[in-house]
Amino acid sequence: MRTALAAFFTLICAGAAAQGADGTIRYRPTADISAERDSTADASGLPALWRANRGGADIYLFGTMHVLPAGTIWRGEAFEAAMADAGTTFFETNADGPRAEREMGRLIERYGLSKSGPLSERLGADRWAQFSMRAEALGLAPATFEAYEPWLAILSLTLAALDETGFSSGEGVDDAIKTLAREEGDAVRYLEPLKTQVLALASLDAGDALANFDASLDDIADLETETEALLKAWRAGDVAKIEALALADLRADAPIAYQALFADRNEDWLRTIDRLLNAREDRDAFVAVGAGHMVGPDGLIERLRASGVEVERLQ
């Protein structure tokens, strides 16, 4: 999983995902996933959850999946206890409501629409033919992408392919946690502005942008297989597998995009988490961000441990 698909599974962007009328991201599971989701889960078979402490407040860190099959078991006792304990819940960015939609429109116009000519000319004949074939197979007219920057074109095509694969009945973990936080009366806060996420996605055009584009086209061919593998790893709490699927290829093949999508943003978020760790004991907080941000050497967990923070895995 190299570029656009990795970006999708680690970012939330208003208007950039297949959503239902209630704003929930949808996914239709295959028979394999449907059978597995009904099995009994315990603390060793649930998504990873950590608690960080430096002598003051407890900060709970939970890696989410922004798309999920309906009925998937993921809310264990440790998760429920952590949410009950925390008085503030943090998410990546606020992508909800009309204001966010208007801002997203402005950001896409500025950073996602080409100022350097039609996409077909920028891609060249052979690459455009491959892209057009993928688009037409999904029932999309290639001409509708002509005004897009390459990153927006490939991300849009990936989202269309995800919808075709079956993102139509399920729920996003972030939305479920946000609903629970509000039911519990938690304060809801965000780690970064929407613009930061759009600029991170636009980083897919940095460096060898057309190589990134080619890798993403290849990803689309294996979309269902890679999606299910990542969902299974997340549900099992297999952080090594999540890193291998979501980060390893991106880090090797598109280091500039990896730096912008993960490393730099993690660094920014750590400043907020550091302030939270210094708060009083009664100011516990819950941080819910994409699972890719938790794993690997640049992930929040290893970075916190490297700075001397005690981090305990709860499930």
Protein backbone atom coordinates (compact mmCIF):
# COMPACT_ATOMS: atom_id res chain seq x y z
CA MET A 1 0.00 0.00 0.00
CA ARG A 2 2.01 2.92 -1.24
CA THR A 3 0.52 6.35 -1.79
CA ALA A 4 -3.09 7.39 -2.31
CA LEU A 5 -4.56 4.35 -0.55
CA ALA A 6 -2.26 4.80 2.44
CA ALA A 7 -3.23 8.46 2.55
CA PHE A 8 -6.92 7.62 2.52
CA PHE A 9 -6.67 5.22 5.43
CA THR A 10 -4.80 7.70 7.59
CA LEU A 11 -6.54 10.97 6.84
CA ILE A 12 -10.05 12.33 7.27
CA CYS A 13 -11.00 14.96 4.72
CA ALA A 14 -14.45 16.51 4.44
CA GLY A 15 -16.02 15.59 1.15
CA ALA A 16 -13.11 13.29 0.29
CA ALA A 17 -14.65 9.99 1.34
CA ALA A 18 -17.67 7.90 0.44
CA GLN A 19 -20.14 8.97 3.10
CA GLY A 20 -23.73 8.29 4.04
CA ALA A 21 -26.32 10.96 4.68
CA ASP A 22 -25.33 11.03 8.34
CA GLY A 23 -21.66 11.63 7.48
CA THR A 24 -20.57 8.09 8.38
CA ILE A 25 -18.01 6.46 6.10
CA ARG A 26 -19.44 3.24 4.70
CA TYR A 27 -17.96 -0.18 3.94
CA ARG A 28 -19.60 -3.44 2.84
CA PRO A 29 -17.59 -6.41 4.18
CA THR A 30 -16.84 -9.55 2.19
CA ALA A 31 -18.03 -12.93 3.46
CA ASP A 32 -14.59 -13.54 5.00
CA ILE A 33 -14.72 -10.33 7.04
CA SER A 34 -18.39 -10.89 7.93
CA ALA A 35 -17.64 -14.28 9.43
CA GLU A 36 -14.65 -13.03 11.40
CA ARG A 37 -16.30 -9.93 12.84
CA ASP A 38 -18.80 -11.97 14.86
CA SER A 39 -16.15 -13.94 16.73
CA THR A 40 -15.62 -13.30 20.43
CA ALA A 41 -12.81 -10.79 21.03
CA ASP A 42 -10.66 -10.33 24.11
CA ALA A 43 -7.98 -7.79 25.05
CA SER A 44 -5.43 -9.58 22.84
CA GLY A 45 -7.75 -9.49 19.81
CA LEU A 46 -8.82 -5.87 19.80
CA PRO A 47 -7.35 -2.70 18.26
CA ALA A 48 -4.33 -1.36 20.09
CA LEU A 49 -4.86 1.08 22.96
CA TRP A 50 -2.11 2.69 25.03
CA ARG A 51 -1.90 4.87 28.15
CA ALA A 52 0.87 7.45 28.49
CA ASN A 53 1.78 9.07 31.80
CA ARG A 54 4.56 11.31 33.08
CA GLY A 55 3.38 11.75 36.64
CA GLY A 56 0.28 13.84 35.92
CA ALA A 57 -2.67 13.20 33.65
CA ASP A 58 -3.24 9.89 31.88
CA ILE A 59 -3.34 10.25 28.10
CA TYR A 60 -4.99 7.38 26.23
CA LEU A 61 -3.92 6.82 22.62
CA PHE A 62 -6.11 4.84 20.22
CA GLY A 63 -5.37 4.23 16.54
CA THR A 64 -8.53 4.33 14.44
CA MET A 65 -9.69 3.10 11.06
CA HIS A 66 -11.73 5.67 9.19
CA VAL A 67 -13.70 2.93 7.42
CA LEU A 68 -14.94 -0.25 9.00
CA PRO A 69 -17.31 -3.16 8.27
CA ALA A 70 -20.64 -2.91 10.08
CA GLY A 71 -20.75 -4.97 13.24
CA THR A 72 -16.99 -5.25 13.71
CA ILE A 73 -16.08 -5.91 17.36
CA TRP A 74 -13.63 -3.26 18.52
CA ARG A 75 -14.96 -1.70 21.75
CA GLY A 76 -13.43 -3.71 24.58
CA GLU A 77 -13.51 -3.08 28.33
CA ALA A 78 -10.23 -1.17 28.31
CA PHE A 79 -11.53 1.18 25.62
CA GLU A 80 -14.77 1.82 27.50
CA ALA A 81 -12.89 2.50 30.74
CA ALA A 82 -10.48 4.89 29.03
CA MET A 83 -13.28 6.87 27.43
CA ALA A 84 -15.11 7.05 30.75
CA ASP A 85 -11.96 8.29 32.47
CA ALA A 86 -11.08 10.99 29.93
CA GLY A 87 -12.73 14.38 30.09
CA THR A 88 -11.44 15.59 26.71
CA THR A 89 -11.26 13.68 23.43
CA PHE A 90 -8.94 14.77 20.63
CA PHE A 91 -9.28 14.00 16.91
CA GLU A 92 -7.13 14.87 13.92
CA THR A 93 -9.19 17.68 12.46
CA ASN A 94 -12.72 19.05 12.34
CA ALA A 95 -14.20 17.97 9.02
CA ASP A 96 -17.85 18.18 10.09
CA GLY A 97 -20.58 20.54 8.99
CA PRO A 98 -21.19 23.20 6.35
CA ARG A 99 -18.33 25.42 7.46
CA ALA A 100 -15.80 22.62 6.99
CA GLU A 101 -17.33 21.78 3.61
CA ARG A 102 -16.93 25.36 2.46
CA GLU A 103 -13.35 25.46 3.68
CA MET A 104 -12.60 22.18 1.93
CA GLY A 105 -13.99 23.60 -1.29
CA ARG A 106 -11.68 26.60 -1.05
CA LEU A 107 -8.68 24.42 -0.24
CA ILE A 108 -9.35 22.04 -3.13
CA GLU A 109 -9.70 24.98 -5.49
CA ARG A 110 -6.37 26.36 -4.36
CA TYR A 111 -4.31 23.18 -4.00
CA GLY A 112 -6.18 20.53 -5.97
CA LEU A 113 -6.99 22.21 -9.28
CA SER A 114 -4.25 22.38 -11.88
CA LYS A 115 -2.56 25.62 -12.82
CA SER A 116 -0.16 23.86 -15.20
CA GLY A 117 -2.42 22.56 -17.94
CA PRO A 118 -4.68 19.53 -18.45
CA LEU A 119 -3.94 16.35 -16.52
CA SER A 120 -3.64 14.34 -19.75
CA GLU A 121 -0.76 16.52 -20.95
CA ARG A 122 1.02 16.34 -17.61
CA LEU A 123 0.74 12.55 -17.43
CA GLY A 124 1.71 11.80 -21.02
CA ALA A 125 -0.07 9.52 -23.45
CA ASP A 126 0.75 6.12 -21.93
CA ARG A 127 0.05 7.08 -18.31
CA TRP A 128 -3.14 8.92 -19.29
CA ALA A 129 -4.32 5.80 -21.18
CA GLN A 130 -3.82 3.67 -18.06
CA PHE A 131 -5.61 6.20 -15.88
CA SER A 132 -8.47 6.51 -18.39
CA MET A 133 -8.89 2.74 -18.51
CA ARG A 134 -9.21 2.58 -14.71
CA ALA A 135 -11.65 5.50 -14.66
CA GLU A 136 -13.86 4.09 -17.43
CA ALA A 137 -13.95 0.70 -15.69
CA LEU A 138 -15.49 2.51 -12.72
CA GLY A 139 -18.01 4.31 -14.93
CA LEU A 140 -16.18 7.65 -14.77
CA ALA A 141 -15.41 9.93 -17.69
CA PRO A 142 -11.65 10.64 -17.80
CA ALA A 143 -12.34 14.17 -19.00
CA THR A 144 -13.82 15.05 -15.59
CA PHE A 145 -10.31 14.78 -14.11
CA GLU A 146 -8.57 17.07 -16.59
CA ALA A 147 -8.59 20.08 -14.26
CA TYR A 148 -7.18 18.13 -11.28
CA GLU A 149 -3.70 18.04 -9.87
CA PRO A 150 -2.32 14.47 -10.02
CA TRP A 151 -2.75 13.90 -6.26
CA LEU A 152 -6.44 14.82 -6.37
CA ALA A 153 -7.05 12.78 -9.50
CA ILE A 154 -5.52 9.61 -8.08
CA LEU A 155 -7.17 10.07 -4.69
CA SER A 156 -10.56 10.62 -6.35
CA LEU A 157 -10.09 7.50 -8.46
CA THR A 158 -9.09 5.51 -5.38
CA LEU A 159 -12.22 6.64 -3.54
CA ALA A 160 -14.37 5.67 -6.51
CA ALA A 161 -12.71 2.25 -6.55
CA LEU A 162 -13.34 1.85 -2.82
CA ASP A 163 -16.99 2.65 -3.36
CA GLU A 164 -17.14 0.09 -6.15
CA THR A 165 -15.51 -2.48 -3.88
CA GLY A 166 -18.27 -1.98 -1.33
CA PHE A 167 -17.92 1.02 0.97
CA SER A 168 -21.64 1.28 1.53
CA SER A 169 -22.67 -0.27 4.85
CA GLY A 170 -20.59 0.23 7.95
CA GLU A 171 -19.28 2.89 10.23
CA GLY A 172 -16.17 4.92 10.84
CA VAL A 173 -14.46 4.52 14.21
CA ASP A 174 -13.79 8.25 14.54
CA ASP A 175 -17.47 9.09 14.18
CA ALA A 176 -18.41 6.45 16.75
CA ILE A 177 -15.87 7.77 19.24
CA LYS A 178 -17.00 11.34 18.68
CA THR A 179 -20.61 10.33 19.34
CA LEU A 180 -19.58 8.52 22.53
CA ALA A 181 -17.49 11.48 23.70
CA ARG A 182 -20.44 13.83 23.33
CA GLU A 183 -22.77 11.40 25.08
CA GLU A 184 -20.34 11.32 27.99
CA GLY A 185 -20.11 15.10 28.06
CA ASP A 186 -16.45 15.22 27.02
CA ALA A 187 -14.92 18.30 25.49
CA VAL A 188 -14.06 17.60 21.83
CA ARG A 189 -10.83 19.10 20.51
CA TYR A 190 -8.72 18.85 17.35
CA LEU A 191 -5.00 18.50 16.75
CA GLU A 192 -4.67 20.41 13.48
CA PRO A 193 -6.58 22.62 11.00
CA LEU A 194 -8.15 21.14 7.89
CA LYS A 195 -5.60 22.94 5.71
CA THR A 196 -2.81 20.84 7.18
CA GLN A 197 -4.45 17.64 5.96
CA VAL A 198 -5.02 18.98 2.45
CA LEU A 199 -1.40 20.13 2.21
CA ALA A 200 -0.30 16.69 3.43
CA LEU A 201 -2.32 15.05 0.67
CA ALA A 202 -0.90 17.51 -1.86
CA SER A 203 2.56 16.26 -0.84
CA LEU A 204 1.80 13.20 -2.97
CA ASP A 205 2.78 15.43 -5.89
CA ALA A 206 6.17 16.24 -4.34
CA GLY A 207 9.41 14.62 -5.45
CA ASP A 208 8.88 12.00 -8.16
CA ALA A 209 5.18 12.72 -8.41
CA LEU A 210 4.52 10.57 -11.47
CA ALA A 211 6.18 7.57 -9.85
CA ASN A 212 3.81 8.08 -6.91
CA PHE A 213 0.95 8.25 -9.40
CA ASP A 214 2.00 4.98 -11.05
CA ALA A 215 2.31 3.22 -7.69
CA SER A 216 -1.18 4.36 -6.76
CA LEU A 217 -2.63 3.03 -10.01
CA ASP A 218 -1.03 -0.32 -9.20
CA ASP A 219 -2.55 -0.20 -5.69
CA ILE A 220 -6.04 0.21 -7.10
CA ALA A 221 -5.73 -3.15 -8.87
CA ASP A 222 -5.23 -4.89 -5.50
CA LEU A 223 -7.57 -2.63 -3.57
CA GLU A 224 -9.88 -5.20 -1.99
CA THR A 225 -7.08 -7.51 -0.88
CA GLU A 226 -5.02 -4.73 0.69
CA THR A 227 -8.03 -3.13 2.34
CA GLU A 228 -9.09 -6.35 4.04
CA ALA A 229 -5.53 -7.12 5.15
CA LEU A 230 -5.25 -3.72 6.82
CA LEU A 231 -8.65 -4.03 8.48
CA LYS A 232 -7.73 -7.45 9.87
CA ALA A 233 -4.41 -6.18 11.22
CA TRP A 234 -6.11 -3.23 12.89
CA ARG A 235 -8.82 -5.36 14.47
CA ALA A 236 -6.22 -7.79 15.82
CA GLY A 237 -4.06 -5.00 17.24
CA ASP A 238 -1.15 -6.17 15.07
CA VAL A 239 0.89 -2.97 15.02
CA ALA A 240 3.80 -4.53 13.09
CA LYS A 241 1.44 -5.59 10.31
CA ILE A 242 -0.20 -2.15 10.23
CA GLU A 243 3.20 -0.55 9.78
CA ALA A 244 4.13 -3.00 7.02
CA LEU A 245 0.89 -2.43 5.13
CA ALA A 246 0.31 1.28 5.64
CA LEU A 247 3.78 2.78 5.96
CA ALA A 248 6.67 0.66 4.71
CA ASP A 249 6.15 1.14 0.96
CA LEU A 250 5.19 4.77 1.36
CA ARG A 251 8.31 5.49 3.42
CA ALA A 252 10.55 3.78 0.83
CA ASP A 253 8.88 4.90 -2.40
CA ALA A 254 7.64 8.39 -1.51
CA PRO A 255 9.72 9.72 1.40
CA ILE A 256 8.59 13.33 0.94
CA ALA A 257 4.95 12.29 1.12
CA TYR A 258 5.66 10.05 4.12
CA GLN A 259 7.35 12.93 5.92
CA ALA A 260 4.41 15.26 5.28
CA LEU A 261 1.63 12.74 5.87
CA PHE A 262 3.06 11.14 9.01
CA ALA A 263 6.37 12.24 10.52
CA ASP A 264 5.82 16.01 10.44
CA ARG A 265 2.23 15.81 11.62
CA ASN A 266 3.15 13.41 14.42
CA GLU A 267 5.81 15.88 15.53
CA ASP A 268 3.25 18.67 15.65
CA TRP A 269 0.76 16.55 17.60
CA LEU A 270 3.42 15.56 20.13
CA ARG A 271 3.63 19.19 21.25
CA THR A 272 -0.05 19.08 22.19
CA ILE A 273 0.29 15.68 23.84
CA ASP A 274 3.28 16.95 25.81
CA ARG A 275 1.14 19.76 27.22
CA LEU A 276 -1.59 17.26 28.09
CA LEU A 277 0.89 15.07 29.96
CA ASN A 278 1.84 18.02 32.13
CA ALA A 279 -1.76 18.64 33.17
CA ARG A 280 -3.22 17.77 36.56
CA GLU A 281 -4.22 14.17 37.30
CA ASP A 282 -7.90 15.03 36.90
CA ARG A 283 -7.38 16.26 33.32
CA ASP A 284 -7.10 12.86 31.60
CA ALA A 285 -7.57 12.90 27.82
CA PHE A 286 -8.25 10.47 24.97
CA VAL A 287 -6.48 10.86 21.60
CA ALA A 288 -8.06 9.12 18.59
CA VAL A 289 -6.13 9.40 15.32
CA GLY A 290 -5.46 7.16 12.33
CA ALA A 291 -3.73 3.90 13.25
CA GLY A 292 -0.80 4.68 10.96
CA HIS A 293 0.17 7.55 13.24
CA MET A 294 0.69 5.22 16.21
CA VAL A 295 3.14 2.74 14.66
CA GLY A 296 6.70 2.69 13.43
CA PRO A 297 9.79 4.66 14.49
CA ASP A 298 8.12 8.00 13.76
CA GLY A 299 4.83 6.97 15.37
CA LEU A 300 3.44 8.64 18.46
CA ILE A 301 4.09 5.64 20.70
CA GLU A 302 7.80 5.25 19.94
CA ARG A 303 8.36 8.99 19.96
CA LEU A 304 6.78 9.30 23.40
CA ARG A 305 8.85 6.41 24.76
CA ALA A 306 12.01 7.92 23.29
CA SER A 307 11.29 11.15 25.19
CA GLY A 308 11.07 9.28 28.48
CA VAL A 309 7.30 9.03 28.79
CA GLU A 310 5.95 5.82 30.30
CA VAL A 311 3.66 4.19 27.74
CA GLU A 312 1.67 1.07 28.64
CA ARG A 313 -0.32 -0.98 26.16
CA LEU A 314 -3.78 -1.68 27.59
CA GLN A 315 -5.09 -3.89 24.79
